[in-house]
C-alpha atoms as a PDB file:
ATOM      1  CA  UNK A   1      71.897  65.879 116.102  1.00  0.00           C
ATOM      2  CA  UNK A   2      75.179  67.449 116.831  1.00  0.00           C
ATOM      3  CA  UNK A   3      74.707  71.059 117.897  1.00  0.00           C
ATOM      4  CA  UNK A   4      76.886  73.593 116.179  1.00  0.00           C
ATOM      5  CA  UNK A   5      76.259  76.043 119.110  1.00  0.00           C
ATOM      6  CA  UNK A   6      79.500  77.312 120.492  1.00  0.00           C
ATOM      7  CA  UNK A   7      80.541  75.607 123.676  1.00  0.00           C
ATOM      8  CA  UNK A   8      80.333  78.901 125.779  1.00  0.00           C
ATOM      9  CA  UNK A   9      76.819  79.572 124.468  1.00  0.00           C
ATOM     10  CA  UNK A  10      75.784  75.987 125.331  1.00  0.00           C
ATOM     11  CA  UNK A  11      77.181  76.417 128.820  1.00  0.00           C
ATOM     12  CA  UNK A  12      75.515  79.741 129.315  1.00  0.00           C
ATOM     13  CA  UNK A  13      72.120  78.436 128.207  1.00  0.00           C
ATOM     14  CA  UNK A  14      72.351  75.335 130.524  1.00  0.00           C
ATOM     15  CA  UNK A  15      73.452  77.512 133.373  1.00  0.00           C
ATOM     16  CA  UNK A  16      70.475  79.726 132.959  1.00  0.00           C
ATOM     17  CA  UNK A  17      68.102  76.618 132.644  1.00  0.00           C
ATOM     18  CA  UNK A  18      66.707  75.546 135.994  1.00  0.00           C
ATOM     19  CA  UNK A  19      66.498  71.881 136.621  1.00  0.00           C
ATOM     20  CA  UNK A  20      69.232  70.421 134.327  1.00  0.00           C
ATOM     21  CA  UNK A  21      68.009  66.971 133.216  1.00  0.00           C
ATOM     22  CA  UNK A  22      70.092  64.341 135.057  1.00  0.00           C
ATOM     23  CA  UNK A  23      70.358  60.856 133.450  1.00  0.00           C
ATOM     24  CA  UNK A  24      70.429  57.642 135.406  1.00  0.00           C
ATOM     25  CA  UNK A  25      69.299  54.021 134.618  1.00  0.00           C
ATOM     26  CA  UNK A  26      65.680  54.807 135.492  1.00  0.00           C
ATOM     27  CA  UNK A  27      65.418  57.944 133.419  1.00  0.00           C
ATOM     28  CA  UNK A  28      67.660  57.279 130.329  1.00  0.00           C
ATOM     29  CA  UNK A  29      65.061  55.418 128.361  1.00  0.00           C
ATOM     30  CA  UNK A  30      62.397  58.065 128.444  1.00  0.00           C
ATOM     31  CA  UNK A  31      65.090  60.752 127.816  1.00  0.00           C
ATOM     32  CA  UNK A  32      66.275  58.924 124.666  1.00  0.00           C
ATOM     33  CA  UNK A  33      62.746  58.330 123.491  1.00  0.00           C
ATOM     34  CA  UNK A  34      61.819  62.009 123.959  1.00  0.00           C
ATOM     35  CA  UNK A  35      64.807  62.861 121.635  1.00  0.00           C
ATOM     36  CA  UNK A  36      63.750  60.316 118.973  1.00  0.00           C
ATOM     37  CA  UNK A  37      66.791  57.933 119.704  1.00  0.00           C
ATOM     38  CA  UNK A  38      64.878  54.982 121.056  1.00  0.00           C
ATOM     39  CA  UNK A  39      61.399  53.605 120.945  1.00  0.00           C
ATOM     40  CA  UNK A  40      59.216  54.201 123.965  1.00  0.00           C
ATOM     41  CA  UNK A  41      59.594  51.620 126.745  1.00  0.00           C
ATOM     42  CA  UNK A  42      62.211  50.847 129.303  1.00  0.00           C
ATOM     43  CA  UNK A  43      65.448  49.550 127.649  1.00  0.00           C
ATOM     44  CA  UNK A  44      68.005  47.404 129.343  1.00  0.00           C
ATOM     45  CA  UNK A  45      70.433  49.849 131.075  1.00  0.00           C
ATOM     46  CA  UNK A  46      73.784  49.159 132.815  1.00  0.00           C
ATOM     47  CA  UNK A  47      75.714  51.994 134.575  1.00  0.00           C
ATOM     48  CA  UNK A  48      79.367  51.566 133.522  1.00  0.00           C
ATOM     49  CA  UNK A  49      81.942  51.776 136.242  1.00  0.00           C
ATOM     50  CA  UNK A  50      85.086  53.930 136.124  1.00  0.00           C
ATOM     51  CA  UNK A  51      83.579  57.236 135.184  1.00  0.00           C
ATOM     52  CA  UNK A  52      85.467  59.963 136.887  1.00  0.00           C
ATOM     53  CA  UNK A  53      84.285  62.819 134.841  1.00  0.00           C
ATOM     54  CA  UNK A  54      80.937  61.444 133.455  1.00  0.00           C
ATOM     55  CA  UNK A  55      78.029  59.260 134.200  1.00  0.00           C
ATOM     56  CA  UNK A  56      78.159  56.547 131.609  1.00  0.00           C
ATOM     57  CA  UNK A  57      75.301  54.255 130.675  1.00  0.00           C
ATOM     58  CA  UNK A  58      75.113  51.313 128.314  1.00  0.00           C
ATOM     59  CA  UNK A  59      71.638  51.108 126.793  1.00  0.00           C
ATOM     60  CA  UNK A  60      70.270  48.080 124.910  1.00  0.00           C
ATOM     61  CA  UNK A  61      66.919  48.007 123.129  1.00  0.00           C
ATOM     62  CA  UNK A  62      65.743  45.883 120.324  1.00  0.00           C
ATOM     63  CA  UNK A  63      69.293  44.908 119.158  1.00  0.00           C
ATOM     64  CA  UNK A  64      70.501  48.452 119.348  1.00  0.00           C
ATOM     65  CA  UNK A  65      73.404  49.345 121.730  1.00  0.00           C
ATOM     66  CA  UNK A  66      74.142  52.864 122.680  1.00  0.00           C
ATOM     67  CA  UNK A  67      76.527  54.556 125.201  1.00  0.00           C
ATOM     68  CA  UNK A  68      75.169  57.707 126.880  1.00  0.00           C
ATOM     69  CA  UNK A  69      77.594  59.944 128.636  1.00  0.00           C
ATOM     70  CA  UNK A  70      76.657  62.931 130.790  1.00  0.00           C
ATOM     71  CA  UNK A  71      79.411  65.168 131.953  1.00  0.00           C
ATOM     72  CA  UNK A  72      79.556  65.832 135.698  1.00  0.00           C
ATOM     73  CA  UNK A  73      80.058  69.163 137.260  1.00  0.00           C
ATOM     74  CA  UNK A  74      82.361  67.738 139.830  1.00  0.00           C
ATOM     75  CA  UNK A  75      84.831  65.050 139.347  1.00  0.00           C
ATOM     76  CA  UNK A  76      84.570  61.838 141.295  1.00  0.00           C
ATOM     77  CA  UNK A  77      87.765  62.169 143.227  1.00  0.00           C
ATOM     78  CA  UNK A  78      88.627  62.738 146.831  1.00  0.00           C
ATOM     79  CA  UNK A  79      89.278  66.484 146.466  1.00  0.00           C
ATOM     80  CA  UNK A  80      86.640  68.968 145.587  1.00  0.00           C
ATOM     81  CA  UNK A  81      87.452  69.278 141.932  1.00  0.00           C
ATOM     82  CA  UNK A  82      84.934  71.238 139.784  1.00  0.00           C
ATOM     83  CA  UNK A  83      84.960  70.620 136.066  1.00  0.00           C
ATOM     84  CA  UNK A  84      83.550  72.466 132.997  1.00  0.00           C
ATOM     85  CA  UNK A  85      80.828  70.273 131.628  1.00  0.00           C
ATOM     86  CA  UNK A  86      81.245  71.712 128.223  1.00  0.00           C
ATOM     87  CA  UNK A  87      84.162  69.338 127.706  1.00  0.00           C
ATOM     88  CA  UNK A  88      81.568  66.652 126.543  1.00  0.00           C
ATOM     89  CA  UNK A  89      81.036  68.859 123.398  1.00  0.00           C
ATOM     90  CA  UNK A  90      84.750  68.793 122.707  1.00  0.00           C
ATOM     91  CA  UNK A  91      84.828  65.036 123.055  1.00  0.00           C
ATOM     92  CA  UNK A  92      81.929  64.701 120.613  1.00  0.00           C
ATOM     93  CA  UNK A  93      83.794  66.861 118.093  1.00  0.00           C
ATOM     94  CA  UNK A  94      87.017  64.846 118.647  1.00  0.00           C
ATOM     95  CA  UNK A  95      85.204  61.546 118.064  1.00  0.00           C
ATOM     96  CA  UNK A  96      83.631  63.034 114.771  1.00  0.00           C
ATOM     97  CA  UNK A  97      87.070  64.144 113.670  1.00  0.00           C
ATOM     98  CA  UNK A  98      88.713  60.746 114.462  1.00  0.00           C
ATOM     99  CA  UNK A  99      85.879  58.942 112.758  1.00  0.00           C
ATOM    100  CA  UNK A 100      86.441  60.968 109.551  1.00  0.00           C
ATOM    101  CA  UNK A 101      90.243  60.372 109.708  1.00  0.00           C
ATOM    102  CA  UNK A 102      90.077  56.684 110.706  1.00  0.00           C
ATOM    103  CA  UNK A 103      86.564  55.365 109.637  1.00  0.00           C
ATOM    104  CA  UNK A 104      85.420  52.453 111.942  1.00  0.00           C
ATOM    105  CA  UNK A 105      88.131  53.056 114.535  1.00  0.00           C
ATOM    106  CA  UNK A 106      85.995  55.022 117.001  1.00  0.00           C
ATOM    107  CA  UNK A 107      82.377  54.899 118.061  1.00  0.00           C
ATOM    108  CA  UNK A 108      80.031  56.796 115.907  1.00  0.00           C
ATOM    109  CA  UNK A 109      78.393  59.878 117.425  1.00  0.00           C
ATOM    110  CA  UNK A 110      74.646  59.508 117.354  1.00  0.00           C
ATOM    111  CA  UNK A 111      73.591  62.715 119.139  1.00  0.00           C
ATOM    112  CA  UNK A 112      74.734  65.573 121.404  1.00  0.00           C
ATOM    113  CA  UNK A 113      72.366  67.427 123.596  1.00  0.00           C
ATOM    114  CA  UNK A 114      74.488  70.493 124.736  1.00  0.00           C
ATOM    115  CA  UNK A 115      71.920  71.842 127.164  1.00  0.00           C
ATOM    116  CA  UNK A 116      72.081  68.653 129.210  1.00  0.00           C
ATOM    117  CA  UNK A 117      75.789  67.955 128.544  1.00  0.00           C
ATOM    118  CA  UNK A 118      74.865  64.618 126.960  1.00  0.00           C
ATOM    119  CA  UNK A 119      76.753  62.535 124.295  1.00  0.00           C
ATOM    120  CA  UNK A 120      75.101  59.567 122.751  1.00  0.00           C
ATOM    121  CA  UNK A 121      77.351  57.243 120.658  1.00  0.00           C
ATOM    122  CA  UNK A 122      77.505  53.751 119.286  1.00  0.00           C
ATOM    123  CA  UNK A 123      78.490  51.026 121.927  1.00  0.00           C
ATOM    124  CA  UNK A 124      81.470  48.697 121.219  1.00  0.00           C
ATOM    125  CA  UNK A 125      80.454  45.191 120.299  1.00  0.00           C
ATOM    126  CA  UNK A 126      79.975  42.714 123.170  1.00  0.00           C
ATOM    127  CA  UNK A 127      82.998  40.943 124.382  1.00  0.00           C
ATOM    128  CA  UNK A 128      85.454  43.823 123.914  1.00  0.00           C
ATOM    129  CA  UNK A 129      87.181  45.295 126.969  1.00  0.00           C
ATOM    130  CA  UNK A 130      89.124  48.626 127.222  1.00  0.00           C
ATOM    131  CA  UNK A 131      92.870  48.269 126.315  1.00  0.00           C
ATOM    132  CA  UNK A 132      93.590  50.221 129.510  1.00  0.00           C
ATOM    133  CA  UNK A 133      92.242  47.244 131.593  1.00  0.00           C
ATOM    134  CA  UNK A 134      94.740  44.913 129.797  1.00  0.00           C
ATOM    135  CA  UNK A 135      97.702  47.290 130.330  1.00  0.00           C
ATOM    136  CA  UNK A 136      96.818  47.854 134.004  1.00  0.00           C
ATOM    137  CA  UNK A 137      96.619  44.073 134.469  1.00  0.00           C
ATOM    138  CA  UNK A 138      99.966  43.865 132.686  1.00  0.00           C
ATOM    139  CA  UNK A 139      98.506  41.949 129.689  1.00  0.00           C
ATOM    140  CA  UNK A 140     100.554  43.269 126.750  1.00  0.00           C
ATOM    141  CA  UNK A 141      99.417  42.575 123.228  1.00  0.00           C
ATOM    142  CA  UNK A 142     101.940  43.667 120.555  1.00  0.00           C
ATOM    143  CA  UNK A 143      99.264  42.951 117.968  1.00  0.00           C
ATOM    144  CA  UNK A 144      96.766  45.455 119.575  1.00  0.00           C
ATOM    145  CA  UNK A 145      99.583  48.007 119.926  1.00  0.00           C
ATOM    146  CA  UNK A 146     100.533  47.714 116.331  1.00  0.00           C
ATOM    147  CA  UNK A 147      96.977  48.036 115.205  1.00  0.00           C
ATOM    148  CA  UNK A 148      96.540  51.184 117.364  1.00  0.00           C
ATOM    149  CA  UNK A 149      99.879  52.603 116.014  1.00  0.00           C
ATOM    150  CA  UNK A 150      98.818  51.930 112.367  1.00  0.00           C
ATOM    151  CA  UNK A 151      95.427  53.635 113.057  1.00  0.00           C
ATOM    152  CA  UNK A 152      97.039  56.820 114.411  1.00  0.00           C
END
Protein backbone atom coordinates (compact mmCIF):
# COMPACT_ATOMS: atom_id res chain seq x y z
CA UNK A 1 0.00 0.00 0.00
CA UNK A 2 2.96 2.31 -0.59
CA UNK A 3 1.75 5.40 -2.34
CA UNK A 4 3.74 6.44 -5.39
CA UNK A 5 2.37 9.97 -5.00
CA UNK A 6 5.22 12.53 -4.97
CA UNK A 7 6.06 13.84 -1.51
CA UNK A 8 5.11 17.42 -2.35
CA UNK A 9 1.70 16.33 -3.66
CA UNK A 10 1.09 14.24 -0.55
CA UNK A 11 1.95 17.20 1.66
CA UNK A 12 -0.27 19.54 -0.33
CA UNK A 13 -3.24 17.17 -0.19
CA UNK A 14 -2.80 16.66 3.55
CA UNK A 15 -2.47 20.38 4.18
CA UNK A 16 -5.67 21.03 2.26
CA UNK A 17 -7.53 18.30 4.16
CA UNK A 18 -9.22 19.45 7.34
CA UNK A 19 -8.89 17.31 10.44
CA UNK A 20 -5.76 15.25 9.81
CA UNK A 21 -6.25 11.86 11.47
CA UNK A 22 -4.12 11.75 14.62
CA UNK A 23 -3.20 8.31 15.91
CA UNK A 24 -2.88 7.31 19.55
CA UNK A 25 -3.31 4.06 21.52
CA UNK A 26 -7.10 4.49 21.60
CA UNK A 27 -7.57 5.17 17.87
CA UNK A 28 -4.89 3.12 16.11
CA UNK A 29 -6.83 -0.16 16.12
CA UNK A 30 -9.84 1.27 14.29
CA UNK A 31 -7.52 3.16 11.94
CA UNK A 32 -5.61 0.01 10.98
CA UNK A 33 -8.86 -1.96 10.60
CA UNK A 34 -10.28 0.77 8.33
CA UNK A 35 -7.23 0.33 6.09
CA UNK A 36 -7.57 -3.47 6.05
CA UNK A 37 -4.38 -3.98 8.08
CA UNK A 38 -5.94 -5.54 11.20
CA UNK A 39 -9.18 -7.22 12.15
CA UNK A 40 -11.80 -5.13 13.88
CA UNK A 41 -11.44 -4.93 17.64
CA UNK A 42 -9.07 -3.27 20.04
CA UNK A 43 -5.51 -4.63 19.77
CA UNK A 44 -2.91 -4.38 22.52
CA UNK A 45 -1.13 -1.07 21.95
CA UNK A 46 1.99 0.33 23.58
CA UNK A 47 3.24 3.85 22.94
CA UNK A 48 6.99 3.56 22.45
CA UNK A 49 9.20 6.11 24.17
CA UNK A 50 11.94 8.17 22.62
CA UNK A 51 10.11 9.49 19.58
CA UNK A 52 11.34 13.03 18.91
CA UNK A 53 9.97 13.33 15.40
CA UNK A 54 7.18 10.72 15.37
CA UNK A 55 4.46 9.20 17.50
CA UNK A 56 5.40 5.50 17.56
CA UNK A 57 2.99 2.75 18.56
CA UNK A 58 3.61 -0.99 18.94
CA UNK A 59 0.44 -2.90 18.02
CA UNK A 60 -0.24 -6.58 18.85
CA UNK A 61 -3.24 -8.50 17.60
CA UNK A 62 -3.70 -12.25 17.07
CA UNK A 63 0.04 -12.91 16.95
CA UNK A 64 0.72 -10.03 14.57
CA UNK A 65 3.10 -7.27 15.68
CA UNK A 66 3.24 -3.93 13.89
CA UNK A 67 4.93 -0.61 14.49
CA UNK A 68 2.90 2.41 13.44
CA UNK A 69 4.71 5.72 13.07
CA UNK A 70 3.07 9.08 12.45
CA UNK A 71 5.30 12.05 11.71
CA UNK A 72 4.91 15.06 13.97
CA UNK A 73 4.65 18.60 12.64
CA UNK A 74 6.79 19.86 15.56
CA UNK A 75 9.70 17.99 17.05
CA UNK A 76 9.58 17.08 20.74
CA UNK A 77 12.41 19.34 21.83
CA UNK A 78 12.60 22.40 24.05
CA UNK A 79 12.83 24.81 21.11
CA UNK A 80 9.95 25.50 18.74
CA UNK A 81 11.17 23.29 15.89
CA UNK A 82 8.69 22.73 13.06
CA UNK A 83 9.41 19.76 10.81
CA UNK A 84 8.20 18.64 7.41
CA UNK A 85 6.00 15.60 7.98
CA UNK A 86 6.66 14.33 4.45
CA UNK A 87 9.93 12.88 5.78
CA UNK A 88 7.97 9.75 6.79
CA UNK A 89 7.56 8.99 3.07
CA UNK A 90 11.33 9.20 2.61
CA UNK A 91 11.81 6.87 5.58
CA UNK A 92 9.43 4.35 3.98
CA UNK A 93 11.29 4.47 0.67
CA UNK A 94 14.64 4.11 2.46
CA UNK A 95 13.36 1.03 4.34
CA UNK A 96 12.11 -0.49 1.09
CA UNK A 97 15.48 0.14 -0.58
CA UNK A 98 17.44 -1.24 2.38
CA UNK A 99 15.17 -4.29 2.44
CA UNK A 100 15.90 -4.98 -1.22
CA UNK A 101 19.65 -4.55 -0.72
CA UNK A 102 19.84 -6.49 2.56
CA UNK A 103 16.81 -8.81 2.84
CA UNK A 104 15.79 -9.48 6.43
CA UNK A 105 18.02 -6.76 7.86
CA UNK A 106 15.34 -4.08 8.25
CA UNK A 107 11.64 -4.16 9.13
CA UNK A 108 9.31 -4.80 6.22
CA UNK A 109 7.10 -1.92 5.15
CA UNK A 110 3.45 -2.96 5.40
CA UNK A 111 1.74 0.27 4.36
CA UNK A 112 2.18 4.00 3.96
CA UNK A 113 -0.74 6.41 4.22
CA UNK A 114 0.71 9.68 2.88
CA UNK A 115 -2.32 11.83 3.64
CA UNK A 116 -1.97 11.00 7.35
CA UNK A 117 1.86 10.84 7.35
CA UNK A 118 1.69 7.25 8.61
CA UNK A 119 4.15 4.39 8.12
CA UNK A 120 3.19 0.85 9.18
CA UNK A 121 5.97 -1.73 9.38
CA UNK A 122 6.79 -5.09 10.87
CA UNK A 123 7.84 -4.95 14.51
CA UNK A 124 11.12 -6.42 15.68
CA UNK A 125 10.82 -9.70 17.56
CA UNK A 126 10.25 -9.56 21.32
CA UNK A 127 13.42 -9.40 23.40
CA UNK A 128 15.45 -7.22 21.06
CA UNK A 129 16.52 -3.75 22.06
CA UNK A 130 17.91 -0.86 20.03
CA UNK A 131 21.67 -0.99 19.59
CA UNK A 132 21.71 2.72 20.46
CA UNK A 133 20.56 1.80 24.00
CA UNK A 134 23.55 -0.50 24.41
CA UNK A 135 25.96 2.10 23.08
CA UNK A 136 24.59 4.82 25.36
CA UNK A 137 24.91 2.42 28.30
CA UNK A 138 28.52 1.72 27.20
CA UNK A 139 27.73 -1.94 26.44
CA UNK A 140 29.86 -2.63 23.40
CA UNK A 141 29.39 -5.80 21.36
CA UNK A 142 32.04 -6.35 18.70
CA UNK A 143 29.91 -9.20 17.33
CA UNK A 144 26.96 -6.84 16.78
CA UNK A 145 29.22 -4.20 15.25
CA UNK A 146 30.74 -6.79 12.88
CA UNK A 147 27.27 -8.01 11.83
CA UNK A 148 26.15 -4.45 11.14
CA UNK A 149 29.33 -3.70 9.22
CA UNK A 150 28.90 -6.81 7.10
CA UNK A 151 25.28 -5.87 6.38
CA UNK A 152 26.19 -2.43 5.09
